N, C-alpha and C. Protein backbone atom coordinates (compact mmCIF):
# COMPACT_ATOMS: atom_id res chain seq x y z
N MET A 1 -23.03 -42.96 -114.23
CA MET A 1 -22.80 -42.88 -115.52
C MET A 1 -21.45 -42.43 -115.74
N ALA A 2 -20.79 -42.94 -116.77
CA ALA A 2 -19.47 -42.63 -117.24
C ALA A 2 -19.38 -41.39 -117.96
N SER A 3 -18.37 -40.66 -117.71
CA SER A 3 -18.24 -39.37 -118.47
C SER A 3 -17.65 -39.61 -119.78
N LEU A 4 -17.69 -38.61 -120.58
CA LEU A 4 -17.09 -38.86 -122.00
C LEU A 4 -15.58 -38.74 -121.89
N PRO A 5 -14.82 -39.55 -122.68
CA PRO A 5 -13.38 -39.43 -122.61
C PRO A 5 -12.89 -38.16 -123.19
N PRO A 6 -11.67 -37.77 -122.82
CA PRO A 6 -11.13 -36.50 -123.37
C PRO A 6 -10.72 -36.70 -124.86
N PRO A 7 -10.68 -35.49 -125.55
CA PRO A 7 -10.49 -35.70 -126.99
C PRO A 7 -9.10 -36.34 -127.39
N ASP A 8 -8.10 -36.27 -126.49
CA ASP A 8 -6.80 -36.91 -126.80
C ASP A 8 -6.72 -38.33 -126.06
N ALA A 9 -7.83 -38.98 -126.06
CA ALA A 9 -7.95 -40.27 -125.38
C ALA A 9 -7.02 -41.32 -126.03
N SER A 10 -6.56 -42.32 -125.25
CA SER A 10 -5.77 -43.33 -125.75
C SER A 10 -6.43 -44.31 -126.61
N TRP A 11 -5.76 -45.25 -127.31
CA TRP A 11 -6.26 -46.26 -128.17
C TRP A 11 -7.12 -47.29 -127.22
N ARG A 12 -6.77 -47.20 -125.96
CA ARG A 12 -7.57 -48.27 -125.02
C ARG A 12 -8.99 -47.89 -124.92
N ASP A 13 -9.22 -46.64 -125.26
CA ASP A 13 -10.83 -46.23 -125.19
C ASP A 13 -11.50 -46.72 -126.31
N SER A 14 -10.88 -47.45 -127.38
CA SER A 14 -11.61 -47.84 -128.48
C SER A 14 -12.64 -49.06 -128.09
N SER A 15 -12.43 -49.66 -126.95
CA SER A 15 -13.34 -50.77 -126.68
C SER A 15 -14.63 -50.29 -125.96
N ARG A 16 -14.66 -49.03 -125.81
CA ARG A 16 -15.87 -48.39 -125.17
C ARG A 16 -17.11 -48.66 -126.31
N PRO A 17 -18.22 -48.80 -125.69
CA PRO A 17 -19.43 -48.99 -126.58
C PRO A 17 -19.79 -47.73 -127.21
N ALA A 18 -20.22 -47.83 -128.55
CA ALA A 18 -20.63 -46.64 -129.19
C ALA A 18 -21.95 -46.16 -128.54
N LYS A 19 -21.94 -44.83 -128.41
CA LYS A 19 -23.14 -44.18 -127.85
C LYS A 19 -23.82 -43.14 -128.80
N PHE A 20 -25.12 -43.04 -128.70
CA PHE A 20 -25.83 -42.09 -129.42
C PHE A 20 -26.55 -41.27 -128.38
N TRP A 21 -25.90 -40.22 -127.99
CA TRP A 21 -26.23 -39.29 -126.80
C TRP A 21 -26.05 -40.22 -125.59
N ILE A 22 -27.08 -40.45 -124.96
CA ILE A 22 -26.98 -41.32 -123.75
C ILE A 22 -27.34 -42.83 -123.96
N PHE A 23 -27.66 -43.03 -125.19
CA PHE A 23 -28.03 -44.46 -125.43
C PHE A 23 -27.02 -45.22 -126.20
N GLU A 24 -27.13 -46.44 -126.01
CA GLU A 24 -26.24 -47.33 -126.78
C GLU A 24 -26.55 -47.18 -128.26
N ALA A 25 -25.59 -47.47 -129.15
CA ALA A 25 -25.69 -47.10 -130.51
C ALA A 25 -26.78 -48.19 -131.21
N TYR A 26 -26.83 -49.47 -130.76
CA TYR A 26 -27.71 -50.37 -131.28
C TYR A 26 -29.29 -50.08 -131.00
N THR A 27 -29.49 -48.92 -130.18
CA THR A 27 -30.90 -48.68 -129.98
C THR A 27 -31.50 -47.89 -131.16
N ILE A 28 -30.60 -47.37 -132.10
CA ILE A 28 -31.10 -46.66 -133.19
C ILE A 28 -31.99 -47.58 -134.11
N PHE A 29 -31.82 -48.87 -134.13
CA PHE A 29 -32.59 -49.62 -135.03
C PHE A 29 -34.22 -49.56 -134.76
N PRO A 30 -34.53 -49.61 -133.50
CA PRO A 30 -36.06 -49.45 -133.26
C PRO A 30 -36.48 -48.14 -133.69
N VAL A 31 -35.61 -47.05 -133.51
CA VAL A 31 -36.05 -45.64 -133.85
C VAL A 31 -36.20 -45.52 -135.31
N LEU A 32 -35.33 -46.24 -136.08
CA LEU A 32 -35.43 -46.21 -137.59
C LEU A 32 -36.66 -46.89 -137.93
N LEU A 33 -36.99 -48.00 -137.48
CA LEU A 33 -38.20 -48.70 -137.80
C LEU A 33 -39.54 -47.80 -137.49
N ALA A 34 -39.40 -47.19 -136.30
CA ALA A 34 -40.60 -46.22 -135.97
C ALA A 34 -40.64 -45.15 -136.92
N LEU A 35 -39.60 -44.56 -137.27
CA LEU A 35 -39.55 -43.45 -138.24
C LEU A 35 -40.00 -43.96 -139.67
N TYR A 36 -39.70 -45.13 -139.91
CA TYR A 36 -40.03 -45.65 -141.28
C TYR A 36 -41.57 -45.87 -141.38
N ASN A 37 -42.14 -46.44 -140.33
CA ASN A 37 -43.47 -46.72 -140.24
C ASN A 37 -44.14 -46.08 -139.08
N ILE A 38 -44.57 -44.76 -139.21
CA ILE A 38 -44.96 -44.00 -138.08
C ILE A 38 -46.40 -44.42 -137.81
N GLN A 39 -46.49 -45.16 -136.79
CA GLN A 39 -47.86 -45.53 -136.21
C GLN A 39 -47.57 -45.51 -134.67
N PHE A 40 -48.71 -45.58 -133.96
CA PHE A 40 -48.52 -45.47 -132.44
C PHE A 40 -47.86 -46.83 -131.94
N TRP A 41 -48.16 -48.03 -132.53
CA TRP A 41 -47.69 -49.22 -131.94
C TRP A 41 -46.14 -49.26 -132.31
N THR A 42 -45.60 -48.78 -133.47
CA THR A 42 -44.16 -48.78 -133.69
C THR A 42 -43.47 -47.83 -132.81
N LEU A 43 -44.06 -46.62 -132.55
CA LEU A 43 -43.44 -45.71 -131.72
C LEU A 43 -43.40 -46.28 -130.21
N ALA A 44 -44.53 -46.91 -129.86
CA ALA A 44 -44.50 -47.49 -128.46
C ALA A 44 -43.45 -48.72 -128.37
N LEU A 45 -43.37 -49.45 -129.38
CA LEU A 45 -42.35 -50.63 -129.53
C LEU A 45 -40.97 -50.09 -129.35
N ALA A 46 -40.70 -49.02 -130.10
CA ALA A 46 -39.37 -48.34 -130.14
C ALA A 46 -39.02 -47.73 -128.75
N PHE A 47 -40.06 -47.04 -128.22
CA PHE A 47 -39.83 -46.52 -126.82
C PHE A 47 -39.54 -47.66 -125.84
N THR A 48 -40.29 -48.78 -125.91
CA THR A 48 -40.23 -49.92 -124.97
C THR A 48 -38.73 -50.37 -125.08
N VAL A 49 -38.38 -50.69 -126.40
CA VAL A 49 -37.13 -51.31 -126.59
C VAL A 49 -36.01 -50.53 -126.11
N ILE A 50 -36.09 -49.10 -126.23
CA ILE A 50 -34.94 -48.29 -125.82
C ILE A 50 -34.96 -48.24 -124.28
N ILE A 51 -36.03 -48.08 -123.61
CA ILE A 51 -36.04 -48.24 -122.24
C ILE A 51 -35.55 -49.59 -121.66
N PHE A 52 -35.88 -50.64 -122.30
CA PHE A 52 -35.38 -52.00 -121.88
C PHE A 52 -33.73 -52.05 -122.08
N LEU A 53 -33.32 -51.57 -123.21
CA LEU A 53 -31.90 -51.71 -123.39
C LEU A 53 -31.17 -50.76 -122.50
N THR A 54 -31.83 -49.57 -122.14
CA THR A 54 -31.11 -48.66 -121.21
C THR A 54 -31.03 -49.22 -119.79
N ILE A 55 -32.07 -49.91 -119.51
CA ILE A 55 -32.04 -50.50 -118.20
C ILE A 55 -31.06 -51.60 -118.15
N LEU A 56 -30.88 -52.46 -119.25
CA LEU A 56 -29.80 -53.43 -119.32
C LEU A 56 -28.37 -52.77 -119.19
N SER A 57 -28.21 -51.67 -119.91
CA SER A 57 -26.96 -50.95 -119.85
C SER A 57 -26.64 -50.44 -118.55
N TYR A 58 -27.65 -49.99 -117.86
CA TYR A 58 -27.46 -49.45 -116.38
C TYR A 58 -26.81 -50.55 -115.57
N TYR A 59 -27.39 -51.82 -115.72
CA TYR A 59 -26.88 -52.82 -114.86
C TYR A 59 -25.73 -53.57 -115.37
N GLY A 60 -25.10 -53.09 -116.47
CA GLY A 60 -23.87 -53.69 -117.05
C GLY A 60 -24.03 -54.65 -117.97
N PHE A 61 -25.26 -54.95 -118.52
CA PHE A 61 -25.40 -55.99 -119.52
C PHE A 61 -25.46 -55.43 -120.90
N THR A 62 -25.04 -56.17 -121.85
CA THR A 62 -25.35 -55.93 -123.30
C THR A 62 -26.32 -56.95 -123.64
N LEU A 63 -26.86 -56.65 -124.78
CA LEU A 63 -28.03 -57.57 -125.32
C LEU A 63 -27.45 -58.96 -125.48
N GLN A 64 -26.21 -59.14 -125.98
CA GLN A 64 -25.66 -60.48 -126.09
C GLN A 64 -25.46 -61.21 -124.79
N VAL A 65 -24.97 -60.51 -123.83
CA VAL A 65 -24.78 -60.96 -122.46
C VAL A 65 -26.11 -61.45 -121.77
N PHE A 66 -27.14 -60.58 -121.97
CA PHE A 66 -28.44 -60.91 -121.36
C PHE A 66 -28.97 -62.08 -122.04
N GLY A 67 -28.78 -62.13 -123.43
CA GLY A 67 -29.34 -63.41 -124.18
C GLY A 67 -28.74 -64.63 -123.50
N ARG A 68 -27.41 -64.67 -123.30
CA ARG A 68 -26.67 -65.78 -122.79
C ARG A 68 -27.18 -66.10 -121.40
N LEU A 69 -27.43 -64.97 -120.55
CA LEU A 69 -28.02 -65.24 -119.22
C LEU A 69 -29.27 -65.89 -119.37
N ILE A 70 -30.25 -65.48 -120.14
CA ILE A 70 -31.53 -66.13 -120.33
C ILE A 70 -31.38 -67.55 -120.78
N ARG A 71 -30.50 -67.83 -121.71
CA ARG A 71 -30.22 -69.16 -122.26
C ARG A 71 -29.74 -70.07 -121.10
N ASN A 72 -28.79 -69.52 -120.31
CA ASN A 72 -28.36 -70.28 -119.20
C ASN A 72 -29.41 -70.65 -118.17
N LEU A 73 -30.40 -69.58 -117.83
CA LEU A 73 -31.40 -69.94 -116.97
C LEU A 73 -32.39 -70.89 -117.39
N ILE A 74 -32.55 -70.94 -118.84
CA ILE A 74 -33.59 -71.92 -119.36
C ILE A 74 -32.85 -73.29 -119.44
N SER A 75 -31.60 -73.46 -119.68
CA SER A 75 -31.06 -74.68 -119.84
C SER A 75 -30.85 -75.40 -118.47
N GLY A 76 -30.69 -74.62 -117.47
CA GLY A 76 -30.53 -75.24 -116.09
C GLY A 76 -29.06 -75.47 -115.71
N PRO A 77 -28.87 -75.95 -114.59
CA PRO A 77 -27.60 -76.08 -114.11
C PRO A 77 -26.81 -77.44 -114.51
N ARG A 78 -27.71 -78.36 -114.91
CA ARG A 78 -27.09 -79.67 -115.51
C ARG A 78 -26.91 -79.65 -116.93
N LYS A 79 -25.66 -79.96 -117.40
CA LYS A 79 -25.43 -80.03 -118.88
C LYS A 79 -25.19 -81.47 -119.23
N SER A 80 -25.75 -82.01 -120.26
CA SER A 80 -25.38 -83.28 -120.51
C SER A 80 -24.13 -83.46 -121.33
N ALA A 81 -23.28 -84.44 -120.97
CA ALA A 81 -22.08 -84.66 -121.78
C ALA A 81 -22.15 -85.45 -122.95
N VAL A 82 -23.35 -86.04 -123.23
CA VAL A 82 -23.59 -86.81 -124.42
C VAL A 82 -24.10 -85.93 -125.47
N SER A 83 -23.51 -85.95 -126.61
CA SER A 83 -24.00 -85.13 -127.73
C SER A 83 -25.39 -85.53 -128.30
N TRP A 84 -26.13 -84.58 -128.76
CA TRP A 84 -27.53 -84.89 -129.10
C TRP A 84 -27.55 -85.74 -130.34
N TRP A 85 -26.55 -85.75 -131.27
CA TRP A 85 -26.58 -86.30 -132.59
C TRP A 85 -25.97 -87.73 -132.49
N ALA A 86 -25.50 -88.10 -131.25
CA ALA A 86 -24.91 -89.43 -131.21
C ALA A 86 -25.94 -90.46 -130.70
């Protein structure tokens, strides 16, 4: 795990992902959903999403990069050079 940058950090640290304690900042959306509609299934969904995104972050993926990886796995190694609309 990366440590927190010093308070006098350079502008180069602005590319670091936003963190909410140890979680990425975009994991707050399932928490807000769970707090808005407090039921067991929303709390379980929020907890599952946070665990999933934390595991992705541990392996160095963001949600966008993981989506591109899945899209690449689905589409396969061969790409057609002919456009679909032609």
